C-alpha atoms as a PDB file:
ATOM      1  CA  MET A   1     -27.372  14.554   2.939  1.00  0.00           C
ATOM      2  CA  ARG A   2     -31.106  14.516   3.649  1.00  0.00           C
ATOM      3  CA  HIS A   3     -30.405  13.794   7.345  1.00  0.00           C
ATOM      4  CA  VAL A   4     -28.116  16.798   7.553  1.00  0.00           C
ATOM      5  CA  LEU A   5     -30.744  19.049   5.956  1.00  0.00           C
ATOM      6  CA  CYS A   6     -33.435  17.723   8.309  1.00  0.00           C
ATOM      7  CA  LEU A   7     -31.169  18.330  11.310  1.00  0.00           C
ATOM      8  CA  LEU A   8     -30.346  21.825  10.104  1.00  0.00           C
ATOM      9  CA  LEU A   9     -34.031  22.606   9.528  1.00  0.00           C
ATOM     10  CA  ALA A  10     -34.948  21.278  12.979  1.00  0.00           C
ATOM     11  CA  CYS A  11     -32.292  23.470  14.561  1.00  0.00           C
ATOM     12  CA  LEU A  12     -33.477  26.546  12.664  1.00  0.00           C
ATOM     13  CA  LEU A  13     -37.132  25.944  13.503  1.00  0.00           C
ATOM     14  CA  GLY A  14     -36.290  25.348  17.137  1.00  0.00           C
ATOM     15  CA  ALA A  15     -34.210  28.535  17.428  1.00  0.00           C
ATOM     16  CA  PRO A  16     -37.161  30.971  17.616  1.00  0.00           C
ATOM     17  CA  ALA A  17     -38.731  28.968  20.435  1.00  0.00           C
ATOM     18  CA  ALA A  18     -35.458  28.956  22.346  1.00  0.00           C
ATOM     19  CA  ALA A  19     -35.005  32.709  21.757  1.00  0.00           C
ATOM     20  CA  ARG A  20     -38.389  33.356  23.379  1.00  0.00           C
ATOM     21  CA  GLU A  21     -37.452  31.609  26.622  1.00  0.00           C
ATOM     22  CA  LEU A  22     -36.922  34.150  29.331  1.00  0.00           C
ATOM     23  CA  GLU A  23     -34.936  33.768  32.489  1.00  0.00           C
ATOM     24  CA  PRO A  24     -37.206  33.717  35.524  1.00  0.00           C
ATOM     25  CA  LEU A  25     -37.423  36.913  37.533  1.00  0.00           C
ATOM     26  CA  ARG A  26     -36.389  36.756  41.183  1.00  0.00           C
ATOM     27  CA  ALA A  27     -39.462  36.456  43.392  1.00  0.00           C
ATOM     28  CA  GLY A  28     -39.818  39.301  45.891  1.00  0.00           C
ATOM     29  CA  ALA A  29     -37.101  41.338  44.182  1.00  0.00           C
ATOM     30  CA  ASP A  30     -36.674  45.037  44.822  1.00  0.00           C
ATOM     31  CA  VAL A  31     -37.569  47.136  41.770  1.00  0.00           C
ATOM     32  CA  ALA A  32     -36.754  50.786  41.154  1.00  0.00           C
ATOM     33  CA  PHE A  33     -39.574  51.908  38.881  1.00  0.00           C
ATOM     34  CA  LEU A  34     -38.371  55.248  37.540  1.00  0.00           C
ATOM     35  CA  GLY A  35     -41.604  55.924  35.706  1.00  0.00           C
ATOM     36  CA  LEU A  36     -42.719  56.349  32.129  1.00  0.00           C
ATOM     37  CA  THR A  37     -41.788  59.198  29.811  1.00  0.00           C
ATOM     38  CA  PHE A  38     -44.104  60.718  27.204  1.00  0.00           C
ATOM     39  CA  ILE A  39     -42.422  61.717  23.944  1.00  0.00           C
ATOM     40  CA  ASP A  40     -44.548  63.695  21.476  1.00  0.00           C
ATOM     41  CA  THR A  41     -43.035  63.584  17.983  1.00  0.00           C
ATOM     42  CA  SER A  42     -46.334  64.427  16.292  1.00  0.00           C
ATOM     43  CA  THR A  43     -46.878  67.738  14.570  1.00  0.00           C
ATOM     44  CA  GLU A  44     -49.436  68.485  17.263  1.00  0.00           C
ATOM     45  CA  GLY A  45     -46.692  68.360  19.876  1.00  0.00           C
ATOM     46  CA  ALA A  46     -44.551  70.743  17.876  1.00  0.00           C
ATOM     47  CA  TYR A  47     -47.242  73.415  17.684  1.00  0.00           C
ATOM     48  CA  PHE A  48     -49.280  73.151  20.855  1.00  0.00           C
ATOM     49  CA  ASP A  49     -48.750  72.849  24.594  1.00  0.00           C
ATOM     50  CA  PRO A  50     -48.779  69.392  26.213  1.00  0.00           C
ATOM     51  CA  ARG A  51     -52.270  67.924  26.530  1.00  0.00           C
ATOM     52  CA  GLU A  52     -53.628  67.306  30.010  1.00  0.00           C
ATOM     53  CA  ASP A  53     -55.474  64.140  28.886  1.00  0.00           C
ATOM     54  CA  GLU A  54     -52.170  62.586  27.758  1.00  0.00           C
ATOM     55  CA  ALA A  55     -50.456  63.561  31.011  1.00  0.00           C
ATOM     56  CA  ALA A  56     -53.334  61.943  32.911  1.00  0.00           C
ATOM     57  CA  ARG A  57     -53.009  58.789  30.784  1.00  0.00           C
ATOM     58  CA  LEU A  58     -49.310  58.587  31.565  1.00  0.00           C
ATOM     59  CA  ARG A  59     -50.050  58.777  35.305  1.00  0.00           C
ATOM     60  CA  MET A  60     -52.788  56.147  34.840  1.00  0.00           C
ATOM     61  CA  LEU A  61     -50.309  53.853  33.078  1.00  0.00           C
ATOM     62  CA  GLU A  62     -47.718  54.322  35.805  1.00  0.00           C
ATOM     63  CA  ARG A  63     -50.300  53.332  38.436  1.00  0.00           C
ATOM     64  CA  LEU A  64     -51.149  50.264  36.304  1.00  0.00           C
ATOM     65  CA  VAL A  65     -47.466  49.236  36.171  1.00  0.00           C
ATOM     66  CA  GLU A  66     -47.057  49.763  39.913  1.00  0.00           C
ATOM     67  CA  ALA A  67     -50.184  47.760  40.697  1.00  0.00           C
ATOM     68  CA  ARG A  68     -49.221  44.852  38.457  1.00  0.00           C
ATOM     69  CA  PHE A  69     -45.653  44.587  39.737  1.00  0.00           C
ATOM     70  CA  THR A  70     -46.938  44.704  43.333  1.00  0.00           C
ATOM     71  CA  GLU A  71     -49.523  42.011  42.480  1.00  0.00           C
ATOM     72  CA  GLU A  72     -46.738  39.850  41.081  1.00  0.00           C
ATOM     73  CA  GLY A  73     -44.864  40.082  44.402  1.00  0.00           C
ATOM     74  CA  PHE A  74     -42.219  42.671  43.611  1.00  0.00           C
ATOM     75  CA  ASN A  75     -41.212  45.328  46.135  1.00  0.00           C
ATOM     76  CA  LEU A  76     -41.298  48.788  44.523  1.00  0.00           C
ATOM     77  CA  LEU A  77     -38.705  51.004  46.146  1.00  0.00           C
ATOM     78  CA  ASP A  78     -39.184  54.561  47.373  1.00  0.00           C
ATOM     79  CA  LEU A  79     -37.436  56.951  44.960  1.00  0.00           C
ATOM     80  CA  ALA A  80     -37.000  59.753  47.532  1.00  0.00           C
ATOM     81  CA  PRO A  81     -33.204  59.181  47.873  1.00  0.00           C
ATOM     82  CA  VAL A  82     -32.752  59.882  44.147  1.00  0.00           C
ATOM     83  CA  ALA A  83     -35.549  62.475  43.732  1.00  0.00           C
ATOM     84  CA  GLU A  84     -33.136  65.361  43.173  1.00  0.00           C
ATOM     85  CA  GLU A  85     -31.402  63.500  40.339  1.00  0.00           C
ATOM     86  CA  MET A  86     -34.739  62.381  38.883  1.00  0.00           C
ATOM     87  CA  ASP A  87     -35.816  66.038  38.707  1.00  0.00           C
ATOM     88  CA  ARG A  88     -32.797  66.783  36.468  1.00  0.00           C
ATOM     89  CA  ILE A  89     -33.387  63.888  34.088  1.00  0.00           C
ATOM     90  CA  LYS A  90     -35.763  64.322  31.188  1.00  0.00           C
ATOM     91  CA  ASN A  91     -36.053  60.623  30.294  1.00  0.00           C
ATOM     92  CA  PRO A  92     -34.709  57.877  32.601  1.00  0.00           C
ATOM     93  CA  ALA A  93     -35.127  55.355  29.741  1.00  0.00           C
ATOM     94  CA  ASP A  94     -32.581  57.291  27.673  1.00  0.00           C
ATOM     95  CA  CYS A  95     -29.933  58.680  30.026  1.00  0.00           C
ATOM     96  CA  TYR A  96     -26.770  56.719  29.301  1.00  0.00           C
ATOM     97  CA  GLY A  97     -27.025  54.360  32.263  1.00  0.00           C
ATOM     98  CA  CYS A  98     -28.171  56.842  34.879  1.00  0.00           C
ATOM     99  CA  GLU A  99     -31.151  54.561  35.590  1.00  0.00           C
ATOM    100  CA  LEU A 100     -28.768  51.756  36.611  1.00  0.00           C
ATOM    101  CA  ARG A 101     -26.684  54.055  38.811  1.00  0.00           C
ATOM    102  CA  MET A 102     -29.778  55.393  40.600  1.00  0.00           C
ATOM    103  CA  ALA A 103     -31.210  51.889  41.051  1.00  0.00           C
ATOM    104  CA  GLU A 104     -27.879  50.712  42.485  1.00  0.00           C
ATOM    105  CA  ARG A 105     -27.909  53.555  45.020  1.00  0.00           C
ATOM    106  CA  LEU A 106     -31.424  52.484  46.026  1.00  0.00           C
ATOM    107  CA  GLY A 107     -30.289  48.880  46.512  1.00  0.00           C
ATOM    108  CA  ALA A 108     -32.582  47.574  43.744  1.00  0.00           C
ATOM    109  CA  ASP A 109     -32.341  44.201  42.072  1.00  0.00           C
ATOM    110  CA  TYR A 110     -34.031  45.515  38.928  1.00  0.00           C
ATOM    111  CA  VAL A 111     -34.659  48.899  37.365  1.00  0.00           C
ATOM    112  CA  LEU A 112     -37.820  49.490  35.325  1.00  0.00           C
ATOM    113  CA  VAL A 113     -38.352  52.314  32.803  1.00  0.00           C
ATOM    114  CA  GLY A 114     -40.622  52.958  29.869  1.00  0.00           C
ATOM    115  CA  GLU A 115     -41.780  55.365  27.208  1.00  0.00           C
ATOM    116  CA  VAL A 116     -44.912  56.243  25.297  1.00  0.00           C
ATOM    117  CA  GLN A 117     -44.161  57.932  21.993  1.00  0.00           C
ATOM    118  CA  LYS A 118     -46.931  59.775  20.157  1.00  0.00           C
ATOM    119  CA  VAL A 119     -46.313  59.653  16.430  1.00  0.00           C
ATOM    120  CA  SER A 120     -49.769  61.040  15.672  1.00  0.00           C
ATOM    121  CA  ASN A 121     -53.116  61.107  17.415  1.00  0.00           C
ATOM    122  CA  LEU A 122     -53.749  57.701  15.847  1.00  0.00           C
ATOM    123  CA  ILE A 123     -50.372  55.994  16.145  1.00  0.00           C
ATOM    124  CA  LEU A 124     -48.478  55.593  19.426  1.00  0.00           C
ATOM    125  CA  SER A 125     -45.628  53.345  20.502  1.00  0.00           C
ATOM    126  CA  MET A 126     -45.160  52.048  24.033  1.00  0.00           C
ATOM    127  CA  ASN A 127     -42.165  50.271  25.547  1.00  0.00           C
ATOM    128  CA  LEU A 128     -41.175  48.867  28.910  1.00  0.00           C
ATOM    129  CA  VAL A 129     -37.662  47.727  29.857  1.00  0.00           C
ATOM    130  CA  MET A 130     -36.501  45.930  32.976  1.00  0.00           C
ATOM    131  CA  ARG A 131     -32.754  45.594  33.616  1.00  0.00           C
ATOM    132  CA  ASP A 132     -30.804  43.582  36.141  1.00  0.00           C
ATOM    133  CA  VAL A 133     -28.967  46.201  38.173  1.00  0.00           C
ATOM    134  CA  ALA A 134     -25.990  43.897  38.896  1.00  0.00           C
ATOM    135  CA  ASP A 135     -24.927  43.517  35.278  1.00  0.00           C
ATOM    136  CA  GLY A 136     -27.150  45.953  33.339  1.00  0.00           C
ATOM    137  CA  HIS A 137     -28.579  43.413  30.920  1.00  0.00           C
ATOM    138  CA  ALA A 138     -32.233  43.624  29.978  1.00  0.00           C
ATOM    139  CA  VAL A 139     -34.211  40.797  31.521  1.00  0.00           C
ATOM    140  CA  ARG A 140     -37.481  41.981  29.956  1.00  0.00           C
ATOM    141  CA  ALA A 141     -38.073  44.494  27.176  1.00  0.00           C
ATOM    142  CA  LEU A 142     -40.946  44.890  24.780  1.00  0.00           C
ATOM    143  CA  ALA A 143     -42.318  47.621  22.537  1.00  0.00           C
ATOM    144  CA  VAL A 144     -45.794  47.658  21.035  1.00  0.00           C
ATOM    145  CA  ASP A 145     -47.591  49.985  18.673  1.00  0.00           C
ATOM    146  CA  ILE A 146     -51.098  51.020  19.599  1.00  0.00           C
ATOM    147  CA  ARG A 147     -53.811  52.694  17.598  1.00  0.00           C
ATOM    148  CA  SER A 148     -55.974  55.419  19.091  1.00  0.00           C
ATOM    149  CA  ASN A 149     -55.045  57.902  21.779  1.00  0.00           C
ATOM    150  CA  THR A 150     -57.514  56.827  24.499  1.00  0.00           C
ATOM    151  CA  ASP A 151     -57.400  55.463  28.042  1.00  0.00           C
ATOM    152  CA  GLU A 152     -58.552  52.093  26.690  1.00  0.00           C
ATOM    153  CA  SER A 153     -55.869  51.815  23.990  1.00  0.00           C
ATOM    154  CA  TRP A 154     -53.070  52.809  26.370  1.00  0.00           C
ATOM    155  CA  THR A 155     -54.251  50.332  29.010  1.00  0.00           C
ATOM    156  CA  ARG A 156     -54.654  47.572  26.422  1.00  0.00           C
ATOM    157  CA  GLY A 157     -51.106  48.207  25.126  1.00  0.00           C
ATOM    158  CA  MET A 158     -49.517  47.903  28.591  1.00  0.00           C
ATOM    159  CA  ARG A 159     -51.577  44.851  29.491  1.00  0.00           C
ATOM    160  CA  TYR A 160     -50.392  43.238  26.263  1.00  0.00           C
ATOM    161  CA  ILE A 161     -46.775  43.865  27.276  1.00  0.00           C
ATOM    162  CA  PHE A 162     -47.457  42.222  30.668  1.00  0.00           C
ATOM    163  CA  LYS A 163     -49.376  39.263  29.242  1.00  0.00           C
ATOM    164  CA  THR A 164     -47.103  38.363  26.353  1.00  0.00           C
ATOM    165  CA  HIS A 165     -43.679  39.143  27.762  1.00  0.00           C
ATOM    166  CA  PHE A 166     -43.204  40.366  31.319  1.00  0.00           C
ATOM    167  CA  PHE A 167     -45.498  37.885  33.041  1.00  0.00           C
ATOM    168  CA  ALA A 168     -46.062  35.337  30.290  1.00  0.00           C
ATOM    169  CA  GLU A 169     -46.860  31.888  31.604  1.00  0.00           C
END
């Protein structure tokens, strides 16, 4: 009986490690990065116009994502062929599969989308999701909460996503 319990315990303790193993990403793959979407669910967003500093941070974060994926050897595709459709979509990360259909039209191997949600000026949530265009399954996806609405906190949050999940060694 003790051997069975030890075996069961070993299996259970080993399961989290196995769950963390990620399939390798295809080197040199074509990626359709459809950008990041800012979602303001704070009371500030309900009463005031969008803030220019937050819009600038979103553009800064998109440049950071583009730079890191290029550094890692991915080919970021030109979105011009789907620009008209992109203009009609409020959030490519939440559009019932439209991101996969656009990426397929572009000939992408992967589609990459993300969101930054402002809960308050102190609490924000950031997520990045990468899907295999062929079958739609997520090959990388991580959400983090960040504290403070500054360039530094936003950058640190995205770098954490890269370091711990997308490009973990």
